[in-house]
Amino acid sequence: MWCAIALGALVRGCPVEHVESYVDLAQESLATFRDQANLDTAR
């Protein structure tokens, strides 16, 4: 979801500095997903 928000903001012309917070949230979400997937795989 955060990736789509960041891309939409960039397409609408928002400055990169404004969009960086959404990119950070997207990276955190992906890291959490990967950690959960690794946990599920380990089970």
PDB file of N, CA and C in Angstrom:
ATOM      1  N   MET A   1       0.815  -1.181   0.000  1.00  0.00           N
ATOM      2  CA  MET A   1       0.000   0.000   0.000  1.00  0.00           C
ATOM      3  C   MET A   1       0.871   1.262   0.000  1.00  0.00           C
ATOM      4  N   TRP A   2       1.889   1.284   0.833  1.00  0.00           N
ATOM      5  CA  TRP A   2       2.727   2.489   0.915  1.00  0.00           C
ATOM      6  C   TRP A   2       3.472   2.740  -0.391  1.00  0.00           C
ATOM      7  N   CYS A   3       3.813   1.686  -1.098  1.00  0.00           N
ATOM      8  CA  CYS A   3       4.474   1.865  -2.404  1.00  0.00           C
ATOM      9  C   CYS A   3       3.548   2.596  -3.366  1.00  0.00           C
ATOM     10  N   ALA A   4       2.299   2.214  -3.393  1.00  0.00           N
ATOM     11  CA  ALA A   4       1.336   2.847  -4.286  1.00  0.00           C
ATOM     12  C   ALA A   4       1.131   4.310  -3.919  1.00  0.00           C
ATOM     13  N   ILE A   5       1.091   4.607  -2.637  1.00  0.00           N
ATOM     14  CA  ILE A   5       0.932   5.992  -2.201  1.00  0.00           C
ATOM     15  C   ILE A   5       2.136   6.822  -2.622  1.00  0.00           C
ATOM     16  N   ALA A   6       3.335   6.276  -2.433  1.00  0.00           N
ATOM     17  CA  ALA A   6       4.550   6.994  -2.819  1.00  0.00           C
ATOM     18  C   ALA A   6       4.593   7.232  -4.321  1.00  0.00           C
ATOM     19  N   LEU A   7       4.283   6.213  -5.100  1.00  0.00           N
ATOM     20  CA  LEU A   7       4.288   6.369  -6.557  1.00  0.00           C
ATOM     21  C   LEU A   7       3.243   7.380  -7.014  1.00  0.00           C
ATOM     22  N   GLY A   8       2.070   7.318  -6.417  1.00  0.00           N
ATOM     23  CA  GLY A   8       1.022   8.275  -6.766  1.00  0.00           C
ATOM     24  C   GLY A   8       1.434   9.704  -6.461  1.00  0.00           C
ATOM     25  N   ALA A   9       2.086   9.891  -5.322  1.00  0.00           N
ATOM     26  CA  ALA A   9       2.542  11.235  -4.956  1.00  0.00           C
ATOM     27  C   ALA A   9       3.601  11.734  -5.933  1.00  0.00           C
ATOM     28  N   LEU A  10       4.499  10.859  -6.346  1.00  0.00           N
ATOM     29  CA  LEU A  10       5.519  11.263  -7.314  1.00  0.00           C
ATOM     30  C   LEU A  10       4.899  11.621  -8.664  1.00  0.00           C
ATOM     31  N   VAL A  11       3.931  10.824  -9.098  1.00  0.00           N
ATOM     32  CA  VAL A  11       3.262  11.082 -10.373  1.00  0.00           C
ATOM     33  C   VAL A  11       2.538  12.422 -10.335  1.00  0.00           C
ATOM     34  N   ARG A  12       1.992  12.758  -9.179  1.00  0.00           N
ATOM     35  CA  ARG A  12       1.260  14.030  -9.049  1.00  0.00           C
ATOM     36  C   ARG A  12       2.195  15.216  -8.884  1.00  0.00           C
ATOM     37  N   GLY A  13       3.502  14.952  -8.812  1.00  0.00           N
ATOM     38  CA  GLY A  13       4.454  16.051  -8.775  1.00  0.00           C
ATOM     39  C   GLY A  13       4.948  16.451  -7.400  1.00  0.00           C
ATOM     40  N   CYS A  14       4.667  15.633  -6.394  1.00  0.00           N
ATOM     41  CA  CYS A  14       5.174  15.947  -5.057  1.00  0.00           C
ATOM     42  C   CYS A  14       6.695  15.819  -5.044  1.00  0.00           C
ATOM     43  N   PRO A  15       7.364  16.676  -4.284  1.00  0.00           N
ATOM     44  CA  PRO A  15       8.820  16.588  -4.215  1.00  0.00           C
ATOM     45  C   PRO A  15       9.267  15.279  -3.563  1.00  0.00           C
ATOM     46  N   VAL A  16      10.399  14.783  -3.996  1.00  0.00           N
ATOM     47  CA  VAL A  16      10.928  13.513  -3.489  1.00  0.00           C
ATOM     48  C   VAL A  16      11.073  13.561  -1.967  1.00  0.00           C
ATOM     49  N   GLU A  17      11.483  14.706  -1.436  1.00  0.00           N
ATOM     50  CA  GLU A  17      11.664  14.824   0.005  1.00  0.00           C
ATOM     51  C   GLU A  17      10.359  14.544   0.755  1.00  0.00           C
ATOM     52  N   HIS A  18       9.251  14.930   0.171  1.00  0.00           N
ATOM     53  CA  HIS A  18       7.943  14.707   0.789  1.00  0.00           C
ATOM     54  C   HIS A  18       7.553  13.234   0.724  1.00  0.00           C
ATOM     55  N   VAL A  19       7.963  12.558  -0.314  1.00  0.00           N
ATOM     56  CA  VAL A  19       7.562  11.169  -0.556  1.00  0.00           C
ATOM     57  C   VAL A  19       8.446  10.179   0.208  1.00  0.00           C
ATOM     58  N   GLU A  20       9.617  10.602   0.631  1.00  0.00           N
ATOM     59  CA  GLU A  20      10.560   9.691   1.294  1.00  0.00           C
ATOM     60  C   GLU A  20       9.956   9.005   2.515  1.00  0.00           C
ATOM     61  N   SER A  21       9.097   9.686   3.250  1.00  0.00           N
ATOM     62  CA  SER A  21       8.497   9.067   4.438  1.00  0.00           C
ATOM     63  C   SER A  21       7.620   7.875   4.043  1.00  0.00           C
ATOM     64  N   TYR A  22       6.932   7.979   2.900  1.00  0.00           N
ATOM     65  CA  TYR A  22       6.110   6.860   2.427  1.00  0.00           C
ATOM     66  C   TYR A  22       6.987   5.700   1.967  1.00  0.00           C
ATOM     67  N   VAL A  23       8.114   6.015   1.366  1.00  0.00           N
ATOM     68  CA  VAL A  23       9.048   4.972   0.938  1.00  0.00           C
ATOM     69  C   VAL A  23       9.589   4.242   2.154  1.00  0.00           C
ATOM     70  N   ASP A  24       9.905   4.978   3.213  1.00  0.00           N
ATOM     71  CA  ASP A  24      10.386   4.359   4.449  1.00  0.00           C
ATOM     72  C   ASP A  24       9.335   3.417   5.031  1.00  0.00           C
ATOM     73  N   LEU A  25       8.083   3.858   5.035  1.00  0.00           N
ATOM     74  CA  LEU A  25       6.996   3.004   5.538  1.00  0.00           C
ATOM     75  C   LEU A  25       6.847   1.749   4.683  1.00  0.00           C
ATOM     76  N   ALA A  26       6.998   1.895   3.379  1.00  0.00           N
ATOM     77  CA  ALA A  26       6.910   0.740   2.481  1.00  0.00           C
ATOM     78  C   ALA A  26       8.021  -0.253   2.771  1.00  0.00           C
ATOM     79  N   GLN A  27       9.234   0.246   2.976  1.00  0.00           N
ATOM     80  CA  GLN A  27      10.365  -0.642   3.261  1.00  0.00           C
ATOM     81  C   GLN A  27      10.161  -1.373   4.584  1.00  0.00           C
ATOM     82  N   GLU A  28       9.653  -0.672   5.595  1.00  0.00           N
ATOM     83  CA  GLU A  28       9.378  -1.304   6.884  1.00  0.00           C
ATOM     84  C   GLU A  28       8.317  -2.394   6.743  1.00  0.00           C
ATOM     85  N   SER A  29       7.280  -2.114   5.965  1.00  0.00           N
ATOM     86  CA  SER A  29       6.215  -3.103   5.759  1.00  0.00           C
ATOM     87  C   SER A  29       6.745  -4.338   5.051  1.00  0.00           C
ATOM     88  N   LEU A  30       7.579  -4.142   4.035  1.00  0.00           N
ATOM     89  CA  LEU A  30       8.153  -5.284   3.320  1.00  0.00           C
ATOM     90  C   LEU A  30       9.073  -6.093   4.217  1.00  0.00           C
ATOM     91  N   ALA A  31       9.850  -5.423   5.054  1.00  0.00           N
ATOM     92  CA  ALA A  31      10.745  -6.131   5.970  1.00  0.00           C
ATOM     93  C   ALA A  31       9.935  -6.967   6.961  1.00  0.00           C
ATOM     94  N   THR A  32       8.838  -6.410   7.456  1.00  0.00           N
ATOM     95  CA  THR A  32       7.979  -7.150   8.380  1.00  0.00           C
ATOM     96  C   THR A  32       7.379  -8.367   7.688  1.00  0.00           C
ATOM     97  N   PHE A  33       6.933  -8.179   6.443  1.00  0.00           N
ATOM     98  CA  PHE A  33       6.350  -9.283   5.687  1.00  0.00           C
ATOM     99  C   PHE A  33       7.387 -10.387   5.479  1.00  0.00           C
ATOM    100  N   ARG A  34       8.610  -9.995   5.101  1.00  0.00           N
ATOM    101  CA  ARG A  34       9.659 -10.996   4.878  1.00  0.00           C
ATOM    102  C   ARG A  34       9.995 -11.725   6.160  1.00  0.00           C
ATOM    103  N   ASP A  35      10.055 -10.999   7.282  1.00  0.00           N
ATOM    104  CA  ASP A  35      10.345 -11.644   8.556  1.00  0.00           C
ATOM    105  C   ASP A  35       9.251 -12.636   8.915  1.00  0.00           C
ATOM    106  N   GLN A  36       7.993 -12.267   8.691  1.00  0.00           N
ATOM    107  CA  GLN A  36       6.884 -13.176   8.980  1.00  0.00           C
ATOM    108  C   GLN A  36       6.907 -14.385   8.061  1.00  0.00           C
ATOM    109  N   ALA A  37       7.232 -14.174   6.792  1.00  0.00           N
ATOM    110  CA  ALA A  37       7.316 -15.291   5.846  1.00  0.00           C
ATOM    111  C   ALA A  37       8.436 -16.247   6.248  1.00  0.00           C
ATOM    112  N   ASN A  38       9.555 -15.715   6.684  1.00  0.00           N
ATOM    113  CA  ASN A  38      10.653 -16.568   7.134  1.00  0.00           C
ATOM    114  C   ASN A  38      10.259 -17.350   8.375  1.00  0.00           C
ATOM    115  N   LEU A  39       9.514 -16.723   9.271  1.00  0.00           N
ATOM    116  CA  LEU A  39       9.039 -17.392  10.470  1.00  0.00           C
ATOM    117  C   LEU A  39       8.090 -18.531  10.106  1.00  0.00           C
ATOM    118  N   ASP A  40       7.166 -18.260   9.185  1.00  0.00           N
ATOM    119  CA  ASP A  40       6.218 -19.285   8.750  1.00  0.00           C
ATOM    120  C   ASP A  40       6.934 -20.443   8.062  1.00  0.00           C
ATOM    121  N   THR A  41       7.954 -20.135   7.276  1.00  0.00           N
ATOM    122  CA  THR A  41       8.718 -21.165   6.593  1.00  0.00           C
ATOM    123  C   THR A  41       9.482 -22.040   7.593  1.00  0.00           C
ATOM    124  N   ALA A  42       9.996 -21.409   8.624  1.00  0.00           N
ATOM    125  CA  ALA A  42      10.751 -22.146   9.630  1.00  0.00           C
ATOM    126  C   ALA A  42       9.871 -23.105  10.394  1.00  0.00           C
ATOM    127  N   ARG A  43       8.598 -22.769  10.518  1.00  0.00           N
ATOM    128  CA  ARG A  43       7.682 -23.660  11.264  1.00  0.00           C
ATOM    129  C   ARG A  43       7.483 -24.904  10.448  1.00  0.00           C
TER     130      ARG A  43
END
